[in-house]
Amino acid sequence: MTTEEKSQQRHANRFAYSSRNLWGGFLFGLGFVAFIDETVFHQLLHWHHFYDKSTTDIGLVSDGLFHALSWFATIGSSFMLADLHRRHAFWLRRWIGGIFLGAGTFQLYDGTIQHKLMRLHQIRYNVDLTMYDAIWNITALAMIVVAYILVVHDRTRKMGEGS
């Protein structure tokens, strides 16, 4: 197989596995931002637990389950990434777009559903939450916008170029 044929095959594989690139990145982004949330806000700063409507012991157990979920998402993403490389179908820009989409989606879900709707926990307690909530949710929306730019713009650009 010539170099040109290999390049064309790799390009075809990228499109055939474009959704797997996106979902692999999504899982990694979800797992990574959940890991950061759990490590920084739960363990280091002690601002809250995943579930704060019960005892501290239950809160710690909920943190452990939350940490396990983030770890499984990250490891699952790693298997998907390895498979994409094996198939010569890895699409870096789409995968990074998936990371931003997963991170932003998790953070927006956490900030709106878990913090406000379900009231499982707040970012902090005994302070005015307005600025915390604004920063949390604006950051989430910014990550989703970056994901959109990376995924949608790149896909249409690549399809138009044929590269």
Protein backbone atom coordinates (compact mmCIF):
# COMPACT_ATOMS: atom_id res chain seq x y z
CA MET A 1 0.00 0.00 0.00
CA THR A 2 1.42 3.38 -1.01
CA THR A 3 1.70 6.35 1.33
CA GLU A 4 -1.15 8.06 -0.52
CA GLU A 5 -3.38 5.00 -0.15
CA LYS A 6 -2.57 4.78 3.58
CA SER A 7 -3.47 8.43 3.99
CA GLN A 8 -6.77 7.93 2.17
CA GLN A 9 -7.54 4.84 4.29
CA ARG A 10 -6.76 6.73 7.51
CA HIS A 11 -9.04 9.57 6.35
CA ALA A 12 -11.83 7.10 5.56
CA ASN A 13 -11.36 5.45 8.97
CA ARG A 14 -11.62 8.81 10.73
CA PHE A 15 -15.07 9.38 9.24
CA ALA A 16 -16.18 5.79 9.77
CA TYR A 17 -15.29 6.09 13.47
CA SER A 18 -16.04 9.78 13.98
CA SER A 19 -18.74 9.12 16.58
CA ARG A 20 -16.41 6.80 18.51
CA ASN A 21 -13.80 9.59 18.55
CA LEU A 22 -16.43 11.97 19.91
CA TRP A 23 -17.77 9.53 22.53
CA GLY A 24 -14.27 8.51 23.63
CA GLY A 25 -13.41 12.15 24.19
CA PHE A 26 -16.78 12.75 25.87
CA LEU A 27 -16.16 9.98 28.40
CA PHE A 28 -12.66 11.25 29.06
CA GLY A 29 -13.90 14.83 29.55
CA LEU A 30 -16.70 13.69 31.85
CA GLY A 31 -14.35 11.51 33.88
CA PHE A 32 -11.61 14.15 34.03
CA VAL A 33 -13.79 17.06 35.14
CA ALA A 34 -15.60 14.82 37.65
CA PHE A 35 -12.19 13.79 39.01
CA ILE A 36 -11.14 17.45 39.32
CA ASP A 37 -14.46 18.32 41.04
CA GLU A 38 -14.18 15.44 43.47
CA THR A 39 -10.49 15.98 44.22
CA VAL A 40 -10.51 19.77 44.56
CA PHE A 41 -13.94 20.63 45.98
CA HIS A 42 -14.70 17.44 47.90
CA GLN A 43 -11.31 16.29 49.22
CA LEU A 44 -8.93 19.24 49.28
CA LEU A 45 -11.24 22.18 50.03
CA HIS A 46 -13.92 20.18 51.90
CA TRP A 47 -16.61 22.45 50.44
CA HIS A 48 -19.17 19.67 49.97
CA HIS A 49 -19.78 15.97 49.35
CA PHE A 50 -21.56 14.46 46.38
CA TYR A 51 -24.60 13.91 48.61
CA ASP A 52 -24.97 16.37 51.48
CA LYS A 53 -28.50 15.56 52.65
CA SER A 54 -27.39 13.02 55.24
CA THR A 55 -24.49 12.31 57.58
CA THR A 56 -20.83 12.98 56.83
CA ASP A 57 -20.28 9.21 56.57
CA ILE A 58 -22.92 8.92 53.85
CA GLY A 59 -21.35 11.94 52.15
CA LEU A 60 -17.97 10.19 52.11
CA VAL A 61 -19.50 7.01 50.68
CA SER A 62 -21.22 9.07 47.97
CA ASP A 63 -17.87 10.71 47.18
CA GLY A 64 -16.30 7.28 46.80
CA LEU A 65 -19.02 6.14 44.40
CA PHE A 66 -18.69 9.41 42.46
CA HIS A 67 -14.92 8.92 42.25
CA ALA A 68 -15.39 5.34 41.01
CA LEU A 69 -17.79 6.54 38.30
CA SER A 70 -15.31 9.16 37.10
CA TRP A 71 -12.54 6.56 37.09
CA PHE A 72 -14.62 4.06 35.08
CA ALA A 73 -15.50 6.75 32.52
CA THR A 74 -11.82 7.66 32.14
CA ILE A 75 -10.69 4.04 31.81
CA GLY A 76 -13.51 3.27 29.34
CA SER A 77 -12.35 6.23 27.31
CA SER A 78 -8.79 4.88 27.34
CA PHE A 79 -9.95 1.57 25.85
CA MET A 80 -11.85 3.44 23.14
CA LEU A 81 -8.78 5.56 22.42
CA ALA A 82 -6.57 2.48 22.12
CA ASP A 83 -9.09 0.90 19.74
CA LEU A 84 -9.16 4.04 17.58
CA HIS A 85 -5.38 4.02 17.32
CA ARG A 86 -5.39 0.31 16.46
CA ARG A 87 -7.84 0.98 13.64
CA HIS A 88 -5.84 4.04 12.47
CA ALA A 89 -9.02 6.05 13.00
CA PHE A 90 -7.99 8.50 15.72
CA TRP A 91 -9.17 12.06 14.99
CA LEU A 92 -7.45 14.33 17.51
CA ARG A 93 -9.53 17.46 16.98
CA ARG A 94 -12.81 15.55 17.23
CA TRP A 95 -11.60 13.68 20.33
CA ILE A 96 -10.60 16.97 22.03
CA GLY A 97 -13.98 18.38 21.04
CA GLY A 98 -15.52 15.38 22.79
CA ILE A 99 -13.46 16.13 25.89
CA PHE A 100 -14.81 19.69 26.02
CA LEU A 101 -18.35 18.43 25.36
CA GLY A 102 -18.14 15.82 28.14
CA ALA A 103 -16.57 18.24 30.62
CA GLY A 104 -19.02 21.04 29.82
CA THR A 105 -22.05 18.74 29.88
CA PHE A 106 -21.05 17.28 33.22
CA GLN A 107 -20.40 20.69 34.73
CA LEU A 108 -23.66 22.17 33.41
CA TYR A 109 -25.62 19.13 34.65
CA ASP A 110 -23.89 19.35 38.03
CA GLY A 111 -24.44 23.09 38.36
CA THR A 112 -28.08 23.12 37.29
CA ILE A 113 -29.60 19.71 38.07
CA GLN A 114 -27.59 18.54 41.09
CA HIS A 115 -26.97 21.94 42.70
CA LYS A 116 -30.24 23.76 42.01
CA LEU A 117 -32.97 21.31 41.01
CA MET A 118 -32.18 18.27 43.16
CA ARG A 119 -30.19 20.19 45.79
CA LEU A 120 -27.89 17.20 46.38
CA HIS A 121 -25.16 19.67 47.31
CA GLN A 122 -24.06 23.24 46.68
CA ILE A 123 -20.64 24.43 45.59
CA ARG A 124 -20.13 25.97 49.04
CA TYR A 125 -22.20 26.59 52.12
CA ASN A 126 -22.77 29.69 54.23
CA VAL A 127 -21.72 32.10 51.47
CA ASP A 128 -23.52 33.96 48.67
CA LEU A 129 -23.59 31.45 45.82
CA THR A 130 -24.36 33.89 42.99
CA MET A 131 -20.77 34.34 41.82
CA TYR A 132 -19.90 30.66 42.31
CA ASP A 133 -22.93 29.53 40.31
CA ALA A 134 -22.27 32.07 37.56
CA ILE A 135 -18.63 31.04 37.15
CA TRP A 136 -19.50 27.33 37.31
CA ASN A 137 -22.23 27.50 34.67
CA ILE A 138 -20.56 30.06 32.39
CA THR A 139 -17.44 27.87 32.35
CA ALA A 140 -19.62 24.88 31.46
CA LEU A 141 -21.29 26.75 28.60
CA ALA A 142 -17.90 28.00 27.35
CA MET A 143 -16.62 24.40 27.20
CA ILE A 144 -19.71 23.34 25.23
CA VAL A 145 -19.19 26.22 22.77
CA VAL A 146 -15.53 25.20 22.31
CA ALA A 147 -16.71 21.62 21.69
CA TYR A 148 -19.18 22.83 19.08
CA ILE A 149 -16.49 24.81 17.30
CA LEU A 150 -14.05 21.91 17.34
CA VAL A 151 -16.51 19.20 16.33
CA VAL A 152 -18.94 20.84 13.93
CA HIS A 153 -16.58 23.31 12.29
CA ASP A 154 -13.83 20.72 11.87
CA ARG A 155 -16.15 18.11 10.39
CA THR A 156 -17.60 20.50 7.81
CA ARG A 157 -14.13 21.89 6.98
CA LYS A 158 -12.64 18.40 6.56
CA MET A 159 -15.57 17.22 4.42
CA GLY A 160 -15.22 20.25 2.17
CA GLU A 161 -11.46 19.82 1.75
CA GLY A 162 -11.47 16.09 1.32
CA SER A 163 -8.29 15.80 3.39
